[in-house]
Amino acid sequence: MQLKILYFGMIAEITKCSHEILAVETKCNSNQLETVLKKKYQQLQSISFKLVINQNIATKTIFLHPDHEVALLPPFAGG
């Protein structure tokens, strides 16, 4: 299955793109996707980020579908 992944802020700098189409296993869940991304982009292992699916922060394991909107958000700065 293919997922469109959106990257923002420092994560876009790490991946050197604002989005990509990523091929994953058909029954991929949010935890597996995070593992795949950390393996592909080693620098993601050293920062905290939020995985957002359909504009909701993933707080539990979610099975992904090709029509899901997936984004990685960097840590938020207060101010």
C-alpha atoms as a PDB file:
ATOM      1  CA  MET A   1       0.000   0.000   0.000  1.00  0.00           C
ATOM      2  CA  GLN A   2       1.121   3.559  -0.571  1.00  0.00           C
ATOM      3  CA  LEU A   3       0.680   6.395   1.900  1.00  0.00           C
ATOM      4  CA  LYS A   4       1.198  10.094   1.375  1.00  0.00           C
ATOM      5  CA  ILE A   5       3.205  11.415   4.317  1.00  0.00           C
ATOM      6  CA  LEU A   6       3.406  15.162   5.042  1.00  0.00           C
ATOM      7  CA  TYR A   7       6.416  16.632   6.868  1.00  0.00           C
ATOM      8  CA  PHE A   8       6.584  19.969   8.660  1.00  0.00           C
ATOM      9  CA  GLY A   9       9.267  22.169  10.230  1.00  0.00           C
ATOM     10  CA  MET A  10      12.485  20.485  11.289  1.00  0.00           C
ATOM     11  CA  ILE A  11      11.139  17.123  10.096  1.00  0.00           C
ATOM     12  CA  ALA A  12      10.891  18.486   6.549  1.00  0.00           C
ATOM     13  CA  GLU A  13      14.509  19.618   6.915  1.00  0.00           C
ATOM     14  CA  ILE A  14      15.565  16.138   8.052  1.00  0.00           C
ATOM     15  CA  THR A  15      13.712  14.360   5.230  1.00  0.00           C
ATOM     16  CA  LYS A  16      14.633  17.065   2.695  1.00  0.00           C
ATOM     17  CA  CYS A  17      11.028  17.131   1.450  1.00  0.00           C
ATOM     18  CA  SER A  18       7.623  18.397   2.516  1.00  0.00           C
ATOM     19  CA  HIS A  19       5.863  15.187   1.510  1.00  0.00           C
ATOM     20  CA  GLU A  20       6.458  11.797  -0.054  1.00  0.00           C
ATOM     21  CA  ILE A  21       4.616   8.698  -1.160  1.00  0.00           C
ATOM     22  CA  LEU A  22       5.836   5.800   0.949  1.00  0.00           C
ATOM     23  CA  ALA A  23       5.229   2.126   0.193  1.00  0.00           C
ATOM     24  CA  VAL A  24       4.357   0.133   3.330  1.00  0.00           C
ATOM     25  CA  GLU A  25       2.912  -3.278   4.096  1.00  0.00           C
ATOM     26  CA  THR A  26      -0.807  -3.657   3.457  1.00  0.00           C
ATOM     27  CA  LYS A  27      -1.710  -4.105   7.138  1.00  0.00           C
ATOM     28  CA  CYS A  28       0.564  -1.340   8.422  1.00  0.00           C
ATOM     29  CA  ASN A  29      -0.350   0.399  11.652  1.00  0.00           C
ATOM     30  CA  SER A  30       0.784   3.725  13.092  1.00  0.00           C
ATOM     31  CA  ASN A  31       3.486   2.146  15.278  1.00  0.00           C
ATOM     32  CA  GLN A  32       4.927   0.214  12.339  1.00  0.00           C
ATOM     33  CA  LEU A  33       4.932   3.360  10.208  1.00  0.00           C
ATOM     34  CA  GLU A  34       6.838   5.249  12.884  1.00  0.00           C
ATOM     35  CA  THR A  35       9.436   2.442  12.980  1.00  0.00           C
ATOM     36  CA  VAL A  36       9.788   2.503   9.175  1.00  0.00           C
ATOM     37  CA  LEU A  37      10.278   6.272   9.167  1.00  0.00           C
ATOM     38  CA  LYS A  38      12.846   6.203  11.982  1.00  0.00           C
ATOM     39  CA  LYS A  39      14.775   3.524  10.102  1.00  0.00           C
ATOM     40  CA  LYS A  40      14.665   5.500   6.840  1.00  0.00           C
ATOM     41  CA  TYR A  41      15.509   8.825   8.509  1.00  0.00           C
ATOM     42  CA  GLN A  42      17.889   8.017  11.368  1.00  0.00           C
ATOM     43  CA  GLN A  43      17.742  11.595  12.736  1.00  0.00           C
ATOM     44  CA  LEU A  44      14.064  11.097  13.631  1.00  0.00           C
ATOM     45  CA  GLN A  45      15.202   8.734  16.385  1.00  0.00           C
ATOM     46  CA  SER A  46      16.691  11.629  18.349  1.00  0.00           C
ATOM     47  CA  ILE A  47      13.723  14.025  18.249  1.00  0.00           C
ATOM     48  CA  SER A  48      10.189  13.840  19.511  1.00  0.00           C
ATOM     49  CA  PHE A  49       7.383  14.304  17.028  1.00  0.00           C
ATOM     50  CA  LYS A  50       3.683  13.673  16.747  1.00  0.00           C
ATOM     51  CA  LEU A  51       2.180  11.323  14.203  1.00  0.00           C
ATOM     52  CA  VAL A  52      -1.097  12.824  12.990  1.00  0.00           C
ATOM     53  CA  ILE A  53      -3.689  10.795  11.119  1.00  0.00           C
ATOM     54  CA  ASN A  54      -6.661  12.561   9.546  1.00  0.00           C
ATOM     55  CA  GLN A  55      -5.813  15.692  11.552  1.00  0.00           C
ATOM     56  CA  ASN A  56      -5.891  13.823  14.882  1.00  0.00           C
ATOM     57  CA  ILE A  57      -2.795  13.097  16.950  1.00  0.00           C
ATOM     58  CA  ALA A  58      -2.345   9.333  17.121  1.00  0.00           C
ATOM     59  CA  THR A  59      -2.489   8.450  20.808  1.00  0.00           C
ATOM     60  CA  LYS A  60      -3.103   4.753  20.203  1.00  0.00           C
ATOM     61  CA  THR A  61      -2.258   2.224  17.500  1.00  0.00           C
ATOM     62  CA  ILE A  62      -4.272   2.880  14.340  1.00  0.00           C
ATOM     63  CA  PHE A  63      -4.372   0.643  11.283  1.00  0.00           C
ATOM     64  CA  LEU A  64      -3.645   2.751   8.227  1.00  0.00           C
ATOM     65  CA  HIS A  65      -5.486   2.937   4.916  1.00  0.00           C
ATOM     66  CA  PRO A  66      -4.342   4.510   1.630  1.00  0.00           C
ATOM     67  CA  ASP A  67      -6.922   7.287   1.994  1.00  0.00           C
ATOM     68  CA  HIS A  68      -5.615   8.397   5.408  1.00  0.00           C
ATOM     69  CA  GLU A  69      -3.923  11.775   5.644  1.00  0.00           C
ATOM     70  CA  VAL A  70      -0.691  11.189   7.576  1.00  0.00           C
ATOM     71  CA  ALA A  71       1.582  13.951   8.871  1.00  0.00           C
ATOM     72  CA  LEU A  72       4.586  14.251  11.158  1.00  0.00           C
ATOM     73  CA  LEU A  73       4.645  17.340  13.333  1.00  0.00           C
ATOM     74  CA  PRO A  74       7.780  18.530  15.123  1.00  0.00           C
ATOM     75  CA  PRO A  75       7.788  19.616  18.766  1.00  0.00           C
ATOM     76  CA  PHE A  76       5.855  22.824  19.329  1.00  0.00           C
ATOM     77  CA  ALA A  77       7.610  25.877  20.705  1.00  0.00           C
ATOM     78  CA  GLY A  78       5.780  27.943  23.274  1.00  0.00           C
ATOM     79  CA  GLY A  79       5.696  31.671  23.255  1.00  0.00           C
END
